[in-house]
Amino acid sequence: MQPYYGITIDKQDQEHLYIQVYKHLRTLIFNNSIKPHEKLPPIRKLSAILGVNNVTVVNAYKLLEEDALVYKKIGSGTYVAPVEDELENERDMEERHRIVPYDFSVSSPTADLFPVKDFKIVIDEVLERDKGYAFGYHESQGFFPFRQSLSAMFGGSKVALDPDQIQIISGAQQGIDLVAKSVLDYGDYVFVEAPTYTGALASFKLKGALIVEIPILEDGIDLEALSQQAKKLKPKLIYVMPNFQNPTGYCYSVEKKRGLIEIAKSCGAWILEDDYAADLNTGDALVSPLSAYDPYDRIIYVKSFSKVLMPGLRLGYMVVPEALQDEIALAKHATDISTSGLLQRAFDLYIRKGLWDRQIVLMKRIYDKRHAVISRYLKSHEVPWVHYHLPQGGYNYWITMDAALNADELMWRLNKKGVAVLSGSTFYHLQLKSSSFRLSIAAIDEKEIEAGLGIIFNEIEAMYHEMSGSKPGLMKSQVL
């Protein structure tokens, strides 16, 4: 019941209580705080926990069911529905596509983009070469030749990296969890971008940290707000995504990167850099890691490979400051001893053969085409009640509507028309309302993008005119 006791309901808010309950439960589902097929609390139990009546919880559960986030078992209760990562086979994927043909909510590539043949070759070669040793226990820090390969690859960012600084992890989420366990104590302040990745918020909250949201601007975190709060609260950790931030797609300027590092140094905070999608840059986007500008060794760098390959490939690495290496190593060993040895050896060979570089080129080519389609559409369908930012890479677009419009309502309306987006309220710690939403092009092709955007913009226009009482008519607007 632990996740449910963290839900706060504001009875003074004009928003209906059942909507607030629904949003909180939806966030718990999205950030995996409650797992697929896990039973939700009985209505009376949750009502008592939240201090609301039974009807409020009933209505919240109904909304979750309408959004296909839960399912009912007669005589048993309400359960969390499986998310896309847990779909069992291709038929399930086809069924999801039939129900949601225009899916802008998924932030991982589709299975057809996974280099199956290449991976089969390297796995077979590793098994032939290493025999049963590939399945044995491995050093908790990670397979040393793999760390050497990563050190050389990281050197491409013009940052010298010793293999001993690298900790292999089972995905970026595990890396964030390890940092939370190693660095944070109950009551410590953690500063995060607003909006941000909710999986990180969940890790920090489970450690009892106090989360402070700092607005993110088009060129990076708001340094003035960060500096003011840092002087008052002395955060232990600052969590950021400087390159193609999730969900906004924003990139930090060099000035913002340097300013962030200086503020963190002045208040004694560690910086946790989540490299979400820096590989997928286009044009002249600046994608150097923060460590390229850090003379203080205060940055913990976390990188996952799942966003370029597949979400089920739970593999990544951390670059750990010397002062934290022992604590991180102990936390890793206590969590799962070590990451899959076979996977580490296979990916090491995958890198050494140049296949990783080739896959990056392929993925960038695919996403460049999708970026071109969505950019062209947005520029040709500008309206005064919609603002947007064109990212220089990654696969997320942050769309902001007129302040009077509610992104949650848009999400519900689009869901009924076979279009999936994620409301901006999903990506905040406390904010329950948002006029922004995230579009992801990770799992939708060019033809579907244009058709899906047509449905989205028609629905936004309908909402705007319902709100204003005006007649439809397109006008030019500002690009953020």
Protein backbone atom coordinates (compact mmCIF):
# COMPACT_ATOMS: atom_id res chain seq x y z
CA MET A 1 0.00 0.00 0.00
CA GLN A 2 3.04 2.27 0.20
CA PRO A 3 2.55 4.12 -3.14
CA TYR A 4 -1.02 5.07 -2.25
CA TYR A 5 -0.08 6.79 1.02
CA GLY A 6 1.99 9.27 -1.02
CA ILE A 7 -1.11 10.55 -2.85
CA THR A 8 -2.17 14.05 -1.81
CA ILE A 9 -5.70 15.24 -2.59
CA ASP A 10 -6.41 18.98 -2.57
CA LYS A 11 -10.06 19.41 -1.55
CA GLN A 12 -9.82 23.17 -2.07
CA ASP A 13 -8.91 22.73 -5.74
CA GLN A 14 -11.65 23.41 -8.28
CA GLU A 15 -10.78 20.17 -10.06
CA HIS A 16 -13.07 17.27 -9.17
CA LEU A 17 -11.66 14.90 -6.56
CA TYR A 18 -12.14 11.83 -8.74
CA ILE A 19 -10.06 13.50 -11.48
CA GLN A 20 -7.26 14.13 -8.98
CA VAL A 21 -7.38 10.51 -7.81
CA TYR A 22 -7.38 9.30 -11.42
CA LYS A 23 -4.32 11.41 -12.31
CA HIS A 24 -2.34 10.20 -9.31
CA LEU A 25 -3.14 6.56 -10.05
CA ARG A 26 -2.31 7.05 -13.71
CA THR A 27 1.09 8.49 -12.76
CA LEU A 28 1.78 5.52 -10.47
CA ILE A 29 0.99 3.20 -13.38
CA PHE A 30 3.12 5.13 -15.88
CA ASN A 31 6.17 5.27 -13.60
CA ASN A 32 5.80 1.58 -12.71
CA SER A 33 5.20 2.22 -9.01
CA ILE A 34 2.30 -0.20 -9.38
CA LYS A 35 3.08 -3.08 -11.69
CA PRO A 36 1.16 -4.70 -14.55
CA HIS A 37 -1.44 -7.17 -13.23
CA GLU A 38 -1.08 -5.79 -9.70
CA LYS A 39 -4.39 -5.47 -7.88
CA LEU A 40 -5.52 -1.95 -6.96
CA PRO A 41 -6.80 -1.44 -3.42
CA PRO A 42 -10.48 -2.19 -2.73
CA ILE A 43 -12.65 0.89 -3.11
CA ARG A 44 -13.32 1.26 0.61
CA LYS A 45 -9.65 0.79 1.48
CA LEU A 46 -8.43 3.47 -0.95
CA SER A 47 -11.26 5.80 0.10
CA ALA A 48 -10.08 5.54 3.70
CA ILE A 49 -6.42 6.13 2.75
CA LEU A 50 -7.22 9.24 0.70
CA GLY A 51 -9.99 10.62 2.88
CA VAL A 52 -12.58 10.67 0.10
CA ASN A 53 -15.90 8.91 -0.38
CA ASN A 54 -16.39 5.62 -2.20
CA VAL A 55 -18.02 7.25 -5.24
CA THR A 56 -14.87 9.30 -5.86
CA VAL A 57 -12.73 6.17 -6.09
CA VAL A 58 -15.35 4.36 -8.21
CA ASN A 59 -15.33 7.20 -10.74
CA ALA A 60 -11.52 7.32 -10.78
CA TYR A 61 -11.37 3.58 -11.47
CA LYS A 62 -13.89 4.02 -14.28
CA LEU A 63 -11.66 6.60 -15.98
CA LEU A 64 -8.67 4.28 -15.70
CA GLU A 65 -10.72 1.50 -17.27
CA GLU A 66 -11.85 3.79 -20.12
CA ASP A 67 -8.18 4.56 -20.81
CA ALA A 68 -7.38 0.82 -20.85
CA LEU A 69 -4.99 1.30 -17.93
CA VAL A 70 -6.81 -1.23 -15.74
CA TYR A 71 -9.07 -4.24 -16.16
CA LYS A 72 -11.63 -5.91 -13.89
CA LYS A 73 -11.94 -9.48 -12.71
CA ILE A 74 -15.49 -10.27 -11.69
CA GLY A 75 -15.61 -10.96 -7.98
CA SER A 76 -11.92 -10.22 -7.55
CA GLY A 77 -11.26 -6.52 -8.15
CA THR A 78 -9.44 -4.06 -10.41
CA TYR A 79 -5.97 -4.77 -11.82
CA VAL A 80 -3.33 -2.77 -13.69
CA ALA A 81 -3.32 -3.57 -17.40
CA PRO A 82 -0.04 -4.62 -19.06
CA VAL A 83 1.88 -1.79 -20.71
CA GLU A 84 3.47 -1.92 -24.13
CA ASP A 85 6.76 -3.31 -22.82
CA GLU A 86 4.95 -6.40 -21.59
CA LEU A 87 3.02 -7.21 -24.74
CA GLU A 88 3.61 -10.89 -25.27
CA ASN A 89 4.00 -11.24 -29.01
CA GLU A 90 3.47 -9.73 -32.42
CA ARG A 91 -0.26 -10.41 -32.33
CA ASP A 92 -0.51 -8.27 -29.20
CA MET A 93 1.36 -5.47 -30.99
CA GLU A 94 -1.03 -5.74 -33.91
CA GLU A 95 -3.98 -5.58 -31.52
CA ARG A 96 -2.56 -2.46 -29.82
CA HIS A 97 -2.07 -0.84 -33.23
CA ARG A 98 -5.66 -1.67 -34.14
CA ILE A 99 -6.94 -0.02 -30.96
CA VAL A 100 -4.46 2.91 -31.03
CA PRO A 101 -3.38 3.30 -34.67
CA TYR A 102 -1.70 6.68 -34.00
CA ASP A 103 0.49 6.15 -30.94
CA PHE A 104 2.53 9.23 -30.00
CA SER A 105 2.84 8.12 -26.36
CA VAL A 106 5.52 5.42 -26.63
CA SER A 107 9.10 6.59 -26.07
CA SER A 108 10.93 3.47 -27.24
CA PRO A 109 11.60 2.14 -30.76
CA THR A 110 9.42 -0.60 -32.22
CA ALA A 111 10.56 -4.21 -32.47
CA ASP A 112 11.06 -4.05 -36.24
CA LEU A 113 13.98 -1.63 -35.75
CA PHE A 114 15.91 -4.00 -33.48
CA PRO A 115 19.01 -5.42 -35.28
CA VAL A 116 18.04 -9.06 -34.77
CA LYS A 117 20.46 -10.55 -37.31
CA ASP A 118 23.45 -8.58 -36.03
CA PHE A 119 22.68 -9.42 -32.42
CA LYS A 120 22.22 -13.10 -33.23
CA ILE A 121 25.65 -13.12 -34.89
CA VAL A 122 27.45 -11.55 -31.92
CA ILE A 123 25.67 -13.74 -29.36
CA ASP A 124 26.55 -16.89 -31.32
CA GLU A 125 30.15 -15.70 -31.61
CA VAL A 126 30.36 -14.97 -27.88
CA LEU A 127 28.97 -18.40 -27.00
CA GLU A 128 31.42 -20.10 -29.38
CA ARG A 129 34.32 -18.06 -28.00
CA ASP A 130 33.56 -17.98 -24.27
CA LYS A 131 31.53 -21.17 -23.81
CA GLY A 132 29.98 -21.45 -20.34
CA TYR A 133 32.02 -18.56 -18.97
CA ALA A 134 29.51 -16.22 -20.59
CA PHE A 135 26.92 -17.42 -18.05
CA GLY A 136 29.13 -17.31 -14.97
CA TYR A 137 29.22 -14.70 -12.25
CA HIS A 138 30.81 -11.46 -13.39
CA GLU A 139 32.52 -8.65 -11.56
CA SER A 140 29.84 -6.42 -10.07
CA GLN A 141 31.41 -3.35 -11.66
CA GLY A 142 31.08 -4.94 -15.09
CA PHE A 143 32.95 -7.00 -17.70
CA PHE A 144 36.30 -5.20 -18.03
CA PRO A 145 36.68 -5.42 -21.84
CA PHE A 146 33.16 -3.98 -22.13
CA ARG A 147 34.15 -1.08 -19.89
CA GLN A 148 37.20 -0.53 -22.09
CA SER A 149 34.96 -0.33 -25.16
CA LEU A 150 32.67 2.14 -23.43
CA SER A 151 35.66 4.23 -22.35
CA ALA A 152 36.83 4.50 -25.95
CA MET A 153 33.30 5.29 -27.16
CA PHE A 154 32.83 7.98 -24.50
CA GLY A 155 36.13 9.49 -25.65
CA GLY A 156 34.31 10.55 -28.80
CA SER A 157 32.71 13.28 -26.69
CA LYS A 158 36.21 14.69 -26.04
CA VAL A 159 36.09 13.59 -22.40
CA ALA A 160 38.88 11.29 -21.17
CA LEU A 161 37.41 8.35 -19.29
CA ASP A 162 39.13 5.58 -17.35
CA PRO A 163 37.37 2.16 -17.41
CA ASP A 164 37.59 2.12 -13.60
CA GLN A 165 35.18 5.06 -13.50
CA ILE A 166 32.51 3.00 -15.26
CA GLN A 167 29.82 0.97 -13.51
CA ILE A 168 27.72 -1.33 -15.70
CA ILE A 169 24.00 -1.23 -14.85
CA SER A 170 20.80 -2.96 -15.90
CA GLY A 171 19.25 0.11 -17.51
CA ALA A 172 19.10 3.81 -16.67
CA GLN A 173 16.34 3.37 -14.10
CA GLN A 174 18.59 1.11 -12.06
CA GLY A 175 21.32 3.73 -12.27
CA ILE A 176 18.97 6.37 -10.88
CA ASP A 177 17.92 3.98 -8.10
CA LEU A 178 21.57 3.30 -7.19
CA VAL A 179 22.29 7.01 -6.93
CA ALA A 180 19.23 7.53 -4.72
CA LYS A 181 20.36 4.69 -2.43
CA SER A 182 23.97 5.88 -2.29
CA VAL A 183 23.62 9.64 -2.06
CA LEU A 184 20.29 10.48 -0.45
CA ASP A 185 19.09 10.38 3.13
CA TYR A 186 15.56 10.93 4.37
CA GLY A 187 14.66 14.62 4.15
CA ASP A 188 17.40 15.59 1.68
CA TYR A 189 16.44 18.04 -1.04
CA VAL A 190 16.55 16.91 -4.66
CA PHE A 191 16.14 19.49 -7.42
CA VAL A 192 14.60 18.36 -10.70
CA GLU A 193 13.61 19.99 -13.96
CA ALA A 194 9.92 20.74 -14.37
CA PRO A 195 8.64 18.86 -16.27
CA THR A 196 10.78 15.73 -15.92
CA TYR A 197 10.96 11.91 -16.02
CA THR A 198 8.56 10.46 -13.46
CA GLY A 199 10.58 7.28 -12.94
CA ALA A 200 13.29 9.41 -11.35
CA LEU A 201 10.74 11.17 -9.16
CA ALA A 202 9.54 7.80 -7.89
CA SER A 203 13.10 6.75 -6.92
CA PHE A 204 13.73 9.96 -5.01
CA LYS A 205 10.38 9.84 -3.21
CA LEU A 206 10.97 6.25 -2.10
CA LYS A 207 14.12 7.48 -0.32
CA GLY A 208 12.08 10.12 1.48
CA ALA A 209 13.70 12.99 -0.41
CA LEU A 210 12.04 16.39 -0.67
CA ILE A 211 11.60 17.24 -4.34
CA VAL A 212 11.87 20.81 -5.61
CA GLU A 213 10.89 21.54 -9.20
CA ILE A 214 12.91 24.10 -11.18
CA PRO A 215 11.40 25.32 -14.48
CA ILE A 216 13.18 24.33 -17.66
CA LEU A 217 13.39 26.87 -20.46
CA GLU A 218 14.11 26.33 -24.14
CA ASP A 219 17.87 26.69 -23.57
CA GLY A 220 17.98 24.72 -20.32
CA ILE A 221 17.14 24.93 -16.65
CA ASP A 222 16.21 28.35 -15.22
CA LEU A 223 19.52 29.29 -13.60
CA GLU A 224 18.08 32.23 -11.66
CA ALA A 225 15.41 30.07 -10.02
CA LEU A 226 17.96 27.31 -9.44
CA SER A 227 20.42 29.67 -7.78
CA GLN A 228 17.79 31.20 -5.49
CA GLN A 229 16.48 27.83 -4.33
CA ALA A 230 19.98 26.37 -3.95
CA LYS A 231 21.01 29.17 -1.61
CA LYS A 232 17.97 28.56 0.59
CA LEU A 233 17.69 24.77 0.57
CA LYS A 234 21.18 23.36 -0.15
CA PRO A 235 20.14 20.37 -2.29
CA LYS A 236 22.02 17.08 -2.04
CA LEU A 237 21.31 16.19 -5.67
CA ILE A 238 20.30 17.95 -8.91
CA TYR A 239 18.77 15.64 -11.54
CA VAL A 240 18.91 16.86 -15.15
CA MET A 241 18.69 15.74 -18.79
CA PRO A 242 20.78 18.36 -20.64
CA ASN A 243 20.42 16.86 -24.13
CA PHE A 244 16.95 16.35 -25.68
CA GLN A 245 15.27 16.48 -22.30
CA ASN A 246 12.31 14.22 -21.61
CA PRO A 247 9.56 15.31 -22.17
CA THR A 248 10.37 18.69 -23.77
CA GLY A 249 13.15 17.85 -26.23
CA TYR A 250 15.06 20.96 -25.06
CA CYS A 251 18.88 21.13 -25.17
CA TYR A 252 21.00 23.09 -22.71
CA SER A 253 23.21 25.83 -24.10
CA VAL A 254 26.89 25.70 -23.17
CA GLU A 255 26.30 28.71 -20.89
CA LYS A 256 23.53 26.87 -19.06
CA LYS A 257 25.71 23.77 -18.65
CA ARG A 258 28.54 25.80 -17.16
CA GLY A 259 26.16 27.78 -14.95
CA LEU A 260 24.53 24.62 -13.60
CA ILE A 261 27.91 23.15 -12.68
CA GLU A 262 28.97 26.31 -10.83
CA ILE A 263 25.72 26.51 -8.87
CA ALA A 264 25.99 22.84 -7.88
CA LYS A 265 29.58 23.40 -6.73
CA SER A 266 28.59 26.44 -4.68
CA CYS A 267 25.96 24.51 -2.69
CA GLY A 268 27.80 21.18 -2.51
CA ALA A 269 25.29 19.25 -4.63
CA TRP A 270 25.94 16.26 -6.84
CA ILE A 271 24.60 16.43 -10.40
CA LEU A 272 22.91 13.35 -11.83
CA GLU A 273 23.01 13.59 -15.63
CA ASP A 274 20.56 11.30 -17.40
CA ASP A 275 21.74 10.97 -21.01
CA TYR A 276 18.33 10.21 -22.42
CA ALA A 277 18.87 10.39 -26.18
CA ALA A 278 22.07 12.28 -27.01
CA ASP A 279 22.96 9.68 -29.66
CA LEU A 280 20.00 10.81 -31.76
CA ASN A 281 21.17 14.33 -32.54
CA THR A 282 20.61 16.02 -35.86
CA GLY A 283 22.29 18.96 -37.52
CA ASP A 284 24.59 21.02 -35.31
CA ALA A 285 22.97 20.20 -31.97
CA LEU A 286 25.38 20.51 -29.04
CA VAL A 287 25.31 17.15 -27.30
CA SER A 288 28.47 17.14 -25.20
CA PRO A 289 27.94 15.67 -21.72
CA LEU A 290 28.15 17.96 -18.72
CA SER A 291 31.47 16.38 -17.75
CA ALA A 292 33.04 18.12 -20.76
CA TYR A 293 32.66 21.35 -18.74
CA ASP A 294 33.18 19.98 -15.20
CA PRO A 295 36.50 20.62 -13.40
CA TYR A 296 35.15 19.47 -10.03
CA ASP A 297 34.27 15.77 -10.55
CA ARG A 298 30.73 16.33 -9.21
CA ILE A 299 28.73 14.71 -12.04
CA ILE A 300 27.22 11.23 -12.04
CA TYR A 301 26.50 10.27 -15.65
CA VAL A 302 23.87 7.63 -16.49
CA LYS A 303 23.38 6.19 -19.97
CA SER A 304 21.01 3.48 -21.25
CA PHE A 305 21.14 1.69 -24.59
CA SER A 306 17.44 0.80 -24.57
CA LYS A 307 16.26 4.05 -26.16
CA VAL A 308 18.20 3.34 -29.34
CA LEU A 309 17.78 -0.44 -29.41
CA MET A 310 14.88 -1.90 -27.41
CA PRO A 311 13.35 -1.20 -23.97
CA GLY A 312 13.73 -4.85 -23.00
CA LEU A 313 17.51 -4.62 -23.44
CA ARG A 314 18.25 -3.71 -19.83
CA LEU A 315 21.79 -2.50 -20.24
CA GLY A 316 23.55 0.76 -19.55
CA TYR A 317 26.43 2.31 -17.69
CA MET A 318 27.33 5.01 -15.20
CA VAL A 319 30.37 7.25 -14.98
CA VAL A 320 30.90 7.69 -11.25
CA PRO A 321 32.98 10.35 -9.44
CA GLU A 322 35.83 8.85 -7.44
CA ALA A 323 34.29 9.93 -4.13
CA LEU A 324 31.16 7.85 -4.80
CA GLN A 325 32.58 4.75 -6.47
CA ASP A 326 32.59 2.55 -3.36
CA GLU A 327 29.03 3.47 -2.36
CA ILE A 328 27.67 2.89 -5.88
CA ALA A 329 29.50 -0.45 -6.14
CA LEU A 330 28.02 -1.65 -2.85
CA ALA A 331 24.53 -0.56 -3.88
CA LYS A 332 24.86 -2.36 -7.22
CA HIS A 333 26.03 -5.60 -5.58
CA ALA A 334 23.17 -5.46 -3.09
CA THR A 335 20.65 -4.88 -5.89
CA ASP A 336 21.42 -7.69 -8.36
CA ILE A 337 25.12 -8.61 -7.89
CA SER A 338 25.89 -7.95 -11.56
CA THR A 339 24.28 -7.27 -14.93
CA SER A 340 23.90 -10.20 -17.36
CA GLY A 341 27.37 -11.37 -18.38
CA LEU A 342 26.17 -12.73 -21.71
CA LEU A 343 24.56 -9.41 -22.57
CA GLN A 344 27.68 -7.45 -21.61
CA ARG A 345 29.96 -9.69 -23.69
CA ALA A 346 27.60 -9.59 -26.66
CA PHE A 347 27.26 -5.82 -26.58
CA ASP A 348 31.01 -5.41 -26.18
CA LEU A 349 31.51 -7.39 -29.40
CA TYR A 350 28.66 -5.44 -31.01
CA ILE A 351 30.56 -2.19 -30.34
CA ARG A 352 33.97 -3.56 -31.39
CA LYS A 353 32.59 -4.73 -34.74
CA GLY A 354 31.29 -1.23 -35.46
CA LEU A 355 27.68 -2.41 -35.41
CA TRP A 356 26.61 0.07 -32.74
CA ASP A 357 27.83 3.00 -34.84
CA ARG A 358 26.00 1.57 -37.85
CA GLN A 359 22.78 1.20 -35.84
CA ILE A 360 23.02 4.81 -34.67
CA VAL A 361 23.32 5.99 -38.28
CA LEU A 362 20.28 3.92 -39.23
CA MET A 363 18.17 5.20 -36.33
CA LYS A 364 19.12 8.82 -37.02
CA ARG A 365 18.16 8.40 -40.66
CA ILE A 366 14.76 7.01 -39.67
CA TYR A 367 14.10 9.70 -37.07
CA ASP A 368 15.32 12.46 -39.39
CA LYS A 369 12.54 11.51 -41.81
CA ARG A 370 9.97 11.57 -39.02
CA HIS A 371 11.25 14.91 -37.75
CA ALA A 372 10.91 16.33 -41.26
CA VAL A 373 7.26 15.23 -41.47
CA ILE A 374 6.22 16.61 -38.08
CA SER A 375 8.19 19.84 -38.57
CA ARG A 376 6.59 20.44 -41.95
CA TYR A 377 3.13 19.76 -40.55
CA LEU A 378 3.54 22.02 -37.52
CA LYS A 379 4.87 24.91 -39.62
CA SER A 380 1.98 24.64 -42.09
CA HIS A 381 -0.75 24.37 -39.43
CA GLU A 382 0.17 27.15 -37.03
CA VAL A 383 -2.62 28.56 -34.88
CA PRO A 384 -2.55 31.15 -32.10
CA TRP A 385 -3.68 28.67 -29.45
CA VAL A 386 -0.83 26.18 -30.03
CA HIS A 387 2.89 26.77 -29.43
CA TYR A 388 5.68 24.28 -30.04
CA HIS A 389 9.42 23.79 -29.99
CA LEU A 390 11.35 22.03 -32.78
CA PRO A 391 14.04 19.84 -31.17
CA GLN A 392 17.41 19.17 -32.79
CA GLY A 393 17.26 15.46 -32.11
CA GLY A 394 15.76 12.82 -29.86
CA TYR A 395 12.11 12.04 -30.52
CA ASN A 396 10.00 14.17 -28.19
CA TYR A 397 7.95 17.28 -28.99
CA TRP A 398 6.47 19.50 -26.29
CA ILE A 399 3.23 21.10 -27.46
CA THR A 400 1.65 23.87 -25.39
CA MET A 401 -1.96 24.90 -25.93
CA ASP A 402 -3.83 27.99 -24.80
CA ALA A 403 -3.62 28.20 -20.99
CA ALA A 404 -7.39 27.70 -20.69
CA LEU A 405 -7.20 24.27 -22.36
CA ASN A 406 -6.61 21.07 -20.39
CA ALA A 407 -4.20 18.48 -21.81
CA ASP A 408 -5.85 15.70 -19.79
CA GLU A 409 -9.16 16.39 -21.48
CA LEU A 410 -7.41 16.39 -24.85
CA MET A 411 -5.79 13.05 -24.03
CA TRP A 412 -9.17 11.49 -23.18
CA ARG A 413 -10.81 12.85 -26.33
CA LEU A 414 -7.97 11.68 -28.56
CA ASN A 415 -7.95 8.24 -26.98
CA LYS A 416 -11.51 7.71 -28.19
CA LYS A 417 -10.34 8.53 -31.72
CA GLY A 418 -7.41 6.13 -31.76
CA VAL A 419 -4.68 8.64 -30.93
CA ALA A 420 -2.41 8.39 -27.88
CA VAL A 421 -0.41 11.27 -26.39
CA LEU A 422 0.81 11.95 -22.85
CA SER A 423 -0.54 14.90 -20.90
CA GLY A 424 2.02 17.26 -19.42
CA SER A 425 0.61 16.65 -15.94
CA THR A 426 2.22 13.20 -16.09
CA PHE A 427 5.68 14.77 -15.90
CA TYR A 428 5.34 16.93 -12.79
CA HIS A 429 5.77 16.18 -9.11
CA LEU A 430 2.86 18.25 -7.82
CA GLN A 431 1.17 19.96 -10.75
CA LEU A 432 -2.14 18.25 -11.54
CA LYS A 433 -3.15 20.43 -14.48
CA SER A 434 -1.28 21.21 -17.67
CA SER A 435 -2.02 22.81 -21.01
CA SER A 436 0.98 21.00 -22.53
CA PHE A 437 1.42 17.48 -23.84
CA ARG A 438 4.20 15.30 -25.21
CA LEU A 439 4.34 13.85 -28.71
CA SER A 440 6.86 11.07 -29.31
CA ILE A 441 7.86 9.90 -32.78
CA ALA A 442 9.74 6.87 -31.45
CA ALA A 443 7.19 4.28 -32.55
CA ILE A 444 5.14 5.87 -35.32
CA ASP A 445 6.02 6.08 -39.03
CA GLU A 446 5.79 9.05 -41.39
CA LYS A 447 2.34 8.31 -42.84
CA GLU A 448 0.83 7.77 -39.41
CA ILE A 449 2.43 10.96 -38.08
CA GLU A 450 0.66 13.20 -40.58
CA ALA A 451 -2.72 11.50 -40.18
CA GLY A 452 -2.44 11.47 -36.39
CA LEU A 453 -1.46 15.13 -36.23
CA GLY A 454 -4.53 15.99 -38.28
CA ILE A 455 -6.75 14.37 -35.65
CA ILE A 456 -4.85 16.05 -32.81
CA PHE A 457 -5.04 19.55 -34.24
CA ASN A 458 -8.70 19.20 -35.18
CA GLU A 459 -9.48 18.19 -31.61
CA ILE A 460 -7.47 21.07 -30.14
CA GLU A 461 -9.26 23.50 -32.43
CA ALA A 462 -12.62 22.08 -31.38
CA MET A 463 -11.70 22.44 -27.70
CA TYR A 464 -10.52 26.00 -28.22
CA HIS A 465 -13.70 27.10 -29.95
CA GLU A 466 -15.87 25.34 -27.37
CA MET A 467 -14.01 27.27 -24.70
CA SER A 468 -14.02 30.65 -26.45
CA GLY A 469 -17.35 30.39 -28.24
CA SER A 470 -15.63 31.53 -31.44
CA LYS A 471 -15.87 30.10 -34.92
CA PRO A 472 -13.10 27.90 -36.39
CA GLY A 473 -10.41 29.65 -38.40
CA LEU A 474 -6.66 29.11 -38.64
CA MET A 475 -4.17 31.91 -37.95
CA LYS A 476 -0.40 32.11 -37.73
CA SER A 477 1.25 31.73 -34.35
CA GLN A 478 4.61 31.86 -32.64
CA VAL A 479 7.13 29.02 -32.62
CA LEU A 480 8.87 28.61 -29.30
